[in-house]
């Protein structure tokens, strides 16, 4: 047994000069110092970023308390619950949380057997841990003046932009929903923003013009 989770903290995550506020971390005594806190809004991966403004959001007695919390904040976790009353977490989903919130490594071979035992054909956006072989890069552009989808062309350039990963190009509406957290953060500095264009870019451009050092934690648009 690696340890036991017993609470959920709400923190601000810090990566370089960027702050990701109000992030929920599954944690417990001595968990933070061992790098085993689970980012509940980051594909259930272990958190590797610095934290600040830490507060306890709630205490947990068992895994059902955790499931109730995930349901309340609208995190889609059920693909990682193939074994009843357990949850797979971590980058490879090879760490198993038991009903009493104790957890341990199950090994990647065992994890593959578990995750291949059921097939899921559709996942909500942003909560999929899957093959990245067909991932593409898209520059999502924002401006203070909205555009209509029918007015969109390759010449439309926004004042601000971010890079996202996806398996297909999102529409303006889909990109707005997918990027709403980033838009909320940027709106504090730039005012109300609208998605005005989405353009596919190659990986080299993505790494040249955007901060992609933490790419493996970024969600994937499906």
C-alpha atoms as a PDB file:
ATOM      1  CA  UNK A   1       0.000   0.000   0.000  1.00  0.00           C
ATOM      2  CA  UNK A   2       1.380   3.402  -1.001  1.00  0.00           C
ATOM      3  CA  UNK A   3      -0.805   5.374   1.385  1.00  0.00           C
ATOM      4  CA  UNK A   4      -4.324   6.680   1.824  1.00  0.00           C
ATOM      5  CA  UNK A   5      -6.211   9.675   0.499  1.00  0.00           C
ATOM      6  CA  UNK A   6      -8.520  11.400   2.955  1.00  0.00           C
ATOM      7  CA  UNK A   7      -9.450  14.829   1.592  1.00  0.00           C
ATOM      8  CA  UNK A   8      -9.742  17.138  -1.401  1.00  0.00           C
ATOM      9  CA  UNK A   9      -7.870  20.447  -1.362  1.00  0.00           C
ATOM     10  CA  UNK A  10      -8.569  23.430  -3.595  1.00  0.00           C
ATOM     11  CA  UNK A  11      -5.407  25.177  -4.788  1.00  0.00           C
ATOM     12  CA  UNK A  12      -3.942  27.491  -7.382  1.00  0.00           C
ATOM     13  CA  UNK A  13      -1.532  25.634  -9.655  1.00  0.00           C
ATOM     14  CA  UNK A  14       1.532  27.576 -10.803  1.00  0.00           C
ATOM     15  CA  UNK A  15       3.475  26.765 -13.954  1.00  0.00           C
ATOM     16  CA  UNK A  16       6.110  29.323 -14.938  1.00  0.00           C
ATOM     17  CA  UNK A  17       4.224  32.649 -14.958  1.00  0.00           C
ATOM     18  CA  UNK A  18       0.789  31.121 -15.403  1.00  0.00           C
ATOM     19  CA  UNK A  19      -1.687  30.433 -12.605  1.00  0.00           C
ATOM     20  CA  UNK A  20      -4.471  27.851 -12.835  1.00  0.00           C
ATOM     21  CA  UNK A  21      -6.854  28.868 -10.037  1.00  0.00           C
ATOM     22  CA  UNK A  22      -9.371  26.767  -8.136  1.00  0.00           C
ATOM     23  CA  UNK A  23      -7.964  23.347  -8.988  1.00  0.00           C
ATOM     24  CA  UNK A  24      -9.050  20.342  -6.940  1.00  0.00           C
ATOM     25  CA  UNK A  25      -6.389  17.907  -5.729  1.00  0.00           C
ATOM     26  CA  UNK A  26      -7.026  14.534  -4.126  1.00  0.00           C
ATOM     27  CA  UNK A  27      -4.565  14.334  -1.258  1.00  0.00           C
ATOM     28  CA  UNK A  28      -3.868  13.109   2.271  1.00  0.00           C
ATOM     29  CA  UNK A  29      -1.282  13.133   5.031  1.00  0.00           C
ATOM     30  CA  UNK A  30       2.240  12.920   3.557  1.00  0.00           C
ATOM     31  CA  UNK A  31       0.807  12.652   0.023  1.00  0.00           C
ATOM     32  CA  UNK A  32       1.842  16.109  -1.190  1.00  0.00           C
ATOM     33  CA  UNK A  33       5.510  15.649  -0.318  1.00  0.00           C
ATOM     34  CA  UNK A  34       5.599  12.344  -2.219  1.00  0.00           C
ATOM     35  CA  UNK A  35       4.210  13.761  -5.452  1.00  0.00           C
ATOM     36  CA  UNK A  36       1.094  11.574  -5.398  1.00  0.00           C
ATOM     37  CA  UNK A  37      -1.624  14.220  -5.315  1.00  0.00           C
ATOM     38  CA  UNK A  38      -4.197  13.612  -8.060  1.00  0.00           C
ATOM     39  CA  UNK A  39      -5.361  16.531 -10.195  1.00  0.00           C
ATOM     40  CA  UNK A  40      -9.113  15.932 -10.338  1.00  0.00           C
ATOM     41  CA  UNK A  41      -9.556  18.340 -13.249  1.00  0.00           C
ATOM     42  CA  UNK A  42      -6.497  17.175 -15.197  1.00  0.00           C
ATOM     43  CA  UNK A  43      -7.400  13.690 -16.481  1.00  0.00           C
ATOM     44  CA  UNK A  44      -6.831  12.209 -12.987  1.00  0.00           C
ATOM     45  CA  UNK A  45      -3.067  12.491 -13.433  1.00  0.00           C
ATOM     46  CA  UNK A  46      -0.583  13.160 -10.630  1.00  0.00           C
ATOM     47  CA  UNK A  47       0.035  16.851 -10.078  1.00  0.00           C
ATOM     48  CA  UNK A  48       3.561  18.039 -10.917  1.00  0.00           C
ATOM     49  CA  UNK A  49       3.032  21.790 -10.555  1.00  0.00           C
ATOM     50  CA  UNK A  50       3.685  24.086  -7.632  1.00  0.00           C
ATOM     51  CA  UNK A  51       0.668  25.061  -5.553  1.00  0.00           C
ATOM     52  CA  UNK A  52      -0.442  28.090  -3.560  1.00  0.00           C
ATOM     53  CA  UNK A  53      -3.504  29.304  -1.638  1.00  0.00           C
ATOM     54  CA  UNK A  54      -4.255  25.766  -0.456  1.00  0.00           C
ATOM     55  CA  UNK A  55      -7.536  25.153   1.367  1.00  0.00           C
ATOM     56  CA  UNK A  56      -9.380  21.965   2.279  1.00  0.00           C
ATOM     57  CA  UNK A  57     -12.526  21.605   0.180  1.00  0.00           C
ATOM     58  CA  UNK A  58     -13.896  18.485   1.887  1.00  0.00           C
ATOM     59  CA  UNK A  59     -12.973  15.399   3.885  1.00  0.00           C
ATOM     60  CA  UNK A  60     -13.452  11.909   2.469  1.00  0.00           C
ATOM     61  CA  UNK A  61     -14.477   8.743   4.281  1.00  0.00           C
ATOM     62  CA  UNK A  62     -14.542   6.341   1.343  1.00  0.00           C
ATOM     63  CA  UNK A  63     -14.447   6.239  -2.430  1.00  0.00           C
ATOM     64  CA  UNK A  64     -18.161   6.961  -2.744  1.00  0.00           C
ATOM     65  CA  UNK A  65     -17.504  10.373  -1.187  1.00  0.00           C
ATOM     66  CA  UNK A  66     -14.906  10.921  -3.922  1.00  0.00           C
ATOM     67  CA  UNK A  67     -17.325   9.836  -6.663  1.00  0.00           C
ATOM     68  CA  UNK A  68     -20.006  12.161  -5.291  1.00  0.00           C
ATOM     69  CA  UNK A  69     -17.551  15.064  -5.397  1.00  0.00           C
ATOM     70  CA  UNK A  70     -16.463  14.273  -8.969  1.00  0.00           C
ATOM     71  CA  UNK A  71     -20.100  14.141 -10.013  1.00  0.00           C
ATOM     72  CA  UNK A  72     -20.714  17.508  -8.347  1.00  0.00           C
ATOM     73  CA  UNK A  73     -17.894  19.234 -10.244  1.00  0.00           C
ATOM     74  CA  UNK A  74     -18.817  17.446 -13.493  1.00  0.00           C
ATOM     75  CA  UNK A  75     -15.650  15.409 -13.991  1.00  0.00           C
ATOM     76  CA  UNK A  76     -16.111  12.367 -16.227  1.00  0.00           C
ATOM     77  CA  UNK A  77     -14.279   9.568 -14.422  1.00  0.00           C
ATOM     78  CA  UNK A  78     -16.314   6.431 -15.125  1.00  0.00           C
ATOM     79  CA  UNK A  79     -13.970   4.998 -17.817  1.00  0.00           C
ATOM     80  CA  UNK A  80     -11.474   4.506 -14.969  1.00  0.00           C
ATOM     81  CA  UNK A  81     -13.871   2.556 -12.740  1.00  0.00           C
ATOM     82  CA  UNK A  82     -13.888  -0.788 -14.540  1.00  0.00           C
ATOM     83  CA  UNK A  83     -13.349  -2.573 -11.233  1.00  0.00           C
ATOM     84  CA  UNK A  84     -16.420  -1.736  -9.077  1.00  0.00           C
ATOM     85  CA  UNK A  85     -15.817   0.828  -6.324  1.00  0.00           C
ATOM     86  CA  UNK A  86     -12.252   1.573  -7.402  1.00  0.00           C
ATOM     87  CA  UNK A  87     -10.581   4.283  -9.473  1.00  0.00           C
ATOM     88  CA  UNK A  88      -7.519   4.165 -11.723  1.00  0.00           C
ATOM     89  CA  UNK A  89      -5.343   7.290 -11.563  1.00  0.00           C
ATOM     90  CA  UNK A  90      -1.912   8.490 -12.653  1.00  0.00           C
ATOM     91  CA  UNK A  91      -0.373   9.181 -16.030  1.00  0.00           C
ATOM     92  CA  UNK A  92      -0.577   5.532 -17.101  1.00  0.00           C
ATOM     93  CA  UNK A  93      -3.684   4.803 -15.017  1.00  0.00           C
ATOM     94  CA  UNK A  94      -1.688   2.112 -13.208  1.00  0.00           C
ATOM     95  CA  UNK A  95      -2.399   3.280  -9.655  1.00  0.00           C
ATOM     96  CA  UNK A  96      -5.554   1.808  -8.150  1.00  0.00           C
ATOM     97  CA  UNK A  97      -7.553   3.555  -5.402  1.00  0.00           C
ATOM     98  CA  UNK A  98      -9.492   1.063  -3.288  1.00  0.00           C
ATOM     99  CA  UNK A  99     -12.958   1.549  -1.690  1.00  0.00           C
ATOM    100  CA  UNK A 100     -11.337   2.679   1.592  1.00  0.00           C
ATOM    101  CA  UNK A 101      -9.155   5.215  -0.333  1.00  0.00           C
ATOM    102  CA  UNK A 102      -5.943   3.275   0.177  1.00  0.00           C
ATOM    103  CA  UNK A 103      -3.976   2.952  -3.056  1.00  0.00           C
ATOM    104  CA  UNK A 104      -1.129   1.069  -4.652  1.00  0.00           C
ATOM    105  CA  UNK A 105       0.506   0.416  -8.026  1.00  0.00           C
ATOM    106  CA  UNK A 106      -1.074  -2.417  -9.981  1.00  0.00           C
ATOM    107  CA  UNK A 107       1.563  -2.395 -12.725  1.00  0.00           C
ATOM    108  CA  UNK A 108       1.104  -1.437 -16.344  1.00  0.00           C
ATOM    109  CA  UNK A 109       0.415  -5.036 -17.489  1.00  0.00           C
ATOM    110  CA  UNK A 110      -2.387  -5.427 -14.990  1.00  0.00           C
ATOM    111  CA  UNK A 111      -3.657  -1.968 -15.892  1.00  0.00           C
ATOM    112  CA  UNK A 112      -3.827  -2.917 -19.582  1.00  0.00           C
ATOM    113  CA  UNK A 113      -5.859  -6.003 -18.734  1.00  0.00           C
ATOM    114  CA  UNK A 114      -8.277  -3.930 -16.682  1.00  0.00           C
ATOM    115  CA  UNK A 115      -8.705  -1.119 -19.179  1.00  0.00           C
ATOM    116  CA  UNK A 116      -9.123  -3.483 -22.139  1.00  0.00           C
ATOM    117  CA  UNK A 117     -11.878  -5.458 -20.422  1.00  0.00           C
ATOM    118  CA  UNK A 118     -14.494  -2.867 -21.387  1.00  0.00           C
ATOM    119  CA  UNK A 119     -14.907  -0.718 -24.482  1.00  0.00           C
ATOM    120  CA  UNK A 120     -15.968   2.930 -24.381  1.00  0.00           C
ATOM    121  CA  UNK A 121     -17.011   4.463 -27.681  1.00  0.00           C
ATOM    122  CA  UNK A 122     -17.566   8.080 -26.654  1.00  0.00           C
ATOM    123  CA  UNK A 123     -16.050  10.309 -23.973  1.00  0.00           C
ATOM    124  CA  UNK A 124     -16.841  13.918 -23.076  1.00  0.00           C
ATOM    125  CA  UNK A 125     -14.231  16.417 -24.192  1.00  0.00           C
ATOM    126  CA  UNK A 126     -11.081  16.761 -22.166  1.00  0.00           C
ATOM    127  CA  UNK A 127     -11.177  13.623 -20.013  1.00  0.00           C
ATOM    128  CA  UNK A 128      -9.670  11.013 -22.318  1.00  0.00           C
ATOM    129  CA  UNK A 129      -6.376   9.253 -21.715  1.00  0.00           C
ATOM    130  CA  UNK A 130      -5.798   7.489 -25.028  1.00  0.00           C
ATOM    131  CA  UNK A 131      -3.346   7.039 -27.853  1.00  0.00           C
ATOM    132  CA  UNK A 132      -1.794  10.292 -29.038  1.00  0.00           C
ATOM    133  CA  UNK A 133      -0.808   8.940 -32.454  1.00  0.00           C
ATOM    134  CA  UNK A 134      -3.492  10.950 -34.265  1.00  0.00           C
ATOM    135  CA  UNK A 135      -3.261  14.127 -32.206  1.00  0.00           C
ATOM    136  CA  UNK A 136      -3.120  17.414 -34.110  1.00  0.00           C
ATOM    137  CA  UNK A 137      -2.291  20.922 -32.910  1.00  0.00           C
ATOM    138  CA  UNK A 138      -4.636  23.888 -33.287  1.00  0.00           C
ATOM    139  CA  UNK A 139      -4.144  27.586 -32.641  1.00  0.00           C
ATOM    140  CA  UNK A 140      -7.310  28.956 -31.050  1.00  0.00           C
ATOM    141  CA  UNK A 141      -7.534  32.723 -31.597  1.00  0.00           C
ATOM    142  CA  UNK A 142      -9.449  35.180 -29.422  1.00  0.00           C
ATOM    143  CA  UNK A 143     -10.603  38.756 -29.862  1.00  0.00           C
ATOM    144  CA  UNK A 144     -12.922  41.220 -28.140  1.00  0.00           C
ATOM    145  CA  UNK A 145     -15.196  41.275 -31.213  1.00  0.00           C
ATOM    146  CA  UNK A 146     -17.132  38.066 -32.028  1.00  0.00           C
ATOM    147  CA  UNK A 147     -17.239  36.415 -35.476  1.00  0.00           C
ATOM    148  CA  UNK A 148     -19.832  34.150 -37.053  1.00  0.00           C
ATOM    149  CA  UNK A 149     -18.811  30.703 -38.237  1.00  0.00           C
ATOM    150  CA  UNK A 150     -19.940  31.509 -41.791  1.00  0.00           C
ATOM    151  CA  UNK A 151     -17.647  34.572 -41.832  1.00  0.00           C
ATOM    152  CA  UNK A 152     -14.614  32.518 -40.881  1.00  0.00           C
ATOM    153  CA  UNK A 153     -11.685  32.349 -43.259  1.00  0.00           C
ATOM    154  CA  UNK A 154      -7.975  31.703 -42.993  1.00  0.00           C
ATOM    155  CA  UNK A 155      -7.180  35.436 -42.790  1.00  0.00           C
ATOM    156  CA  UNK A 156      -9.012  36.036 -39.495  1.00  0.00           C
ATOM    157  CA  UNK A 157      -6.435  36.618 -36.740  1.00  0.00           C
ATOM    158  CA  UNK A 158      -7.268  37.358 -33.116  1.00  0.00           C
ATOM    159  CA  UNK A 159      -5.363  39.528 -30.691  1.00  0.00           C
ATOM    160  CA  UNK A 160      -4.624  36.561 -28.404  1.00  0.00           C
ATOM    161  CA  UNK A 161      -4.235  32.846 -28.943  1.00  0.00           C
ATOM    162  CA  UNK A 162      -3.450  29.530 -27.271  1.00  0.00           C
ATOM    163  CA  UNK A 163      -2.559  26.096 -28.603  1.00  0.00           C
ATOM    164  CA  UNK A 164      -4.763  23.058 -27.985  1.00  0.00           C
ATOM    165  CA  UNK A 165      -4.481  19.407 -28.966  1.00  0.00           C
ATOM    166  CA  UNK A 166      -7.275  17.542 -30.709  1.00  0.00           C
ATOM    167  CA  UNK A 167      -8.243  14.721 -33.021  1.00  0.00           C
ATOM    168  CA  UNK A 168     -10.208  17.095 -35.250  1.00  0.00           C
ATOM    169  CA  UNK A 169     -10.680  20.833 -35.724  1.00  0.00           C
ATOM    170  CA  UNK A 170     -13.315  22.206 -33.323  1.00  0.00           C
ATOM    171  CA  UNK A 171     -15.957  24.672 -34.438  1.00  0.00           C
ATOM    172  CA  UNK A 172     -15.966  28.118 -32.842  1.00  0.00           C
ATOM    173  CA  UNK A 173     -18.704  26.991 -30.462  1.00  0.00           C
ATOM    174  CA  UNK A 174     -16.848  23.802 -29.548  1.00  0.00           C
ATOM    175  CA  UNK A 175     -13.590  25.701 -29.068  1.00  0.00           C
ATOM    176  CA  UNK A 176     -15.358  28.219 -26.819  1.00  0.00           C
ATOM    177  CA  UNK A 177     -16.634  25.427 -24.586  1.00  0.00           C
ATOM    178  CA  UNK A 178     -13.319  23.579 -24.603  1.00  0.00           C
ATOM    179  CA  UNK A 179     -11.273  26.706 -23.767  1.00  0.00           C
ATOM    180  CA  UNK A 180     -13.669  28.323 -21.307  1.00  0.00           C
ATOM    181  CA  UNK A 181     -11.293  28.041 -18.339  1.00  0.00           C
ATOM    182  CA  UNK A 182      -8.460  29.714 -20.264  1.00  0.00           C
ATOM    183  CA  UNK A 183     -10.889  32.378 -21.500  1.00  0.00           C
ATOM    184  CA  UNK A 184     -12.040  33.083 -17.939  1.00  0.00           C
ATOM    185  CA  UNK A 185      -8.425  33.596 -16.872  1.00  0.00           C
ATOM    186  CA  UNK A 186      -7.568  35.850 -19.834  1.00  0.00           C
ATOM    187  CA  UNK A 187     -10.764  37.890 -19.484  1.00  0.00           C
ATOM    188  CA  UNK A 188      -9.501  39.199 -16.145  1.00  0.00           C
ATOM    189  CA  UNK A 189      -6.716  40.977 -18.022  1.00  0.00           C
ATOM    190  CA  UNK A 190      -8.236  41.622 -21.442  1.00  0.00           C
ATOM    191  CA  UNK A 191     -12.002  41.796 -20.911  1.00  0.00           C
ATOM    192  CA  UNK A 192     -14.640  39.614 -22.561  1.00  0.00           C
ATOM    193  CA  UNK A 193     -13.153  37.449 -25.292  1.00  0.00           C
ATOM    194  CA  UNK A 194     -14.588  35.447 -28.172  1.00  0.00           C
ATOM    195  CA  UNK A 195     -13.116  32.623 -30.223  1.00  0.00           C
ATOM    196  CA  UNK A 196     -12.675  34.070 -33.725  1.00  0.00           C
ATOM    197  CA  UNK A 197     -10.689  31.373 -35.524  1.00  0.00           C
ATOM    198  CA  UNK A 198      -9.202  27.903 -35.120  1.00  0.00           C
ATOM    199  CA  UNK A 199      -6.287  26.982 -37.376  1.00  0.00           C
ATOM    200  CA  UNK A 200      -4.320  23.754 -37.558  1.00  0.00           C
ATOM    201  CA  UNK A 201      -0.569  24.190 -37.021  1.00  0.00           C
ATOM    202  CA  UNK A 202       2.283  21.710 -37.053  1.00  0.00           C
ATOM    203  CA  UNK A 203       4.042  20.451 -33.949  1.00  0.00           C
ATOM    204  CA  UNK A 204       7.149  22.511 -34.639  1.00  0.00           C
ATOM    205  CA  UNK A 205       5.141  25.749 -34.679  1.00  0.00           C
ATOM    206  CA  UNK A 206       3.258  24.682 -31.558  1.00  0.00           C
ATOM    207  CA  UNK A 207       6.528  24.250 -29.658  1.00  0.00           C
ATOM    208  CA  UNK A 208       8.074  27.395 -31.156  1.00  0.00           C
ATOM    209  CA  UNK A 209       5.280  29.847 -30.359  1.00  0.00           C
ATOM    210  CA  UNK A 210       3.501  28.294 -27.360  1.00  0.00           C
ATOM    211  CA  UNK A 211       4.440  26.869 -23.974  1.00  0.00           C
ATOM    212  CA  UNK A 212       4.187  23.113 -24.559  1.00  0.00           C
ATOM    213  CA  UNK A 213       6.546  21.893 -21.841  1.00  0.00           C
ATOM    214  CA  UNK A 214       3.622  20.439 -19.896  1.00  0.00           C
ATOM    215  CA  UNK A 215       1.836  19.030 -22.946  1.00  0.00           C
ATOM    216  CA  UNK A 216       1.110  15.626 -21.415  1.00  0.00           C
ATOM    217  CA  UNK A 217      -1.239  17.302 -18.905  1.00  0.00           C
ATOM    218  CA  UNK A 218      -3.234  19.171 -21.545  1.00  0.00           C
ATOM    219  CA  UNK A 219      -6.705  17.818 -22.400  1.00  0.00           C
ATOM    220  CA  UNK A 220      -7.465  16.450 -25.849  1.00  0.00           C
ATOM    221  CA  UNK A 221     -10.377  17.690 -27.923  1.00  0.00           C
ATOM    222  CA  UNK A 222     -12.264  14.726 -29.327  1.00  0.00           C
END
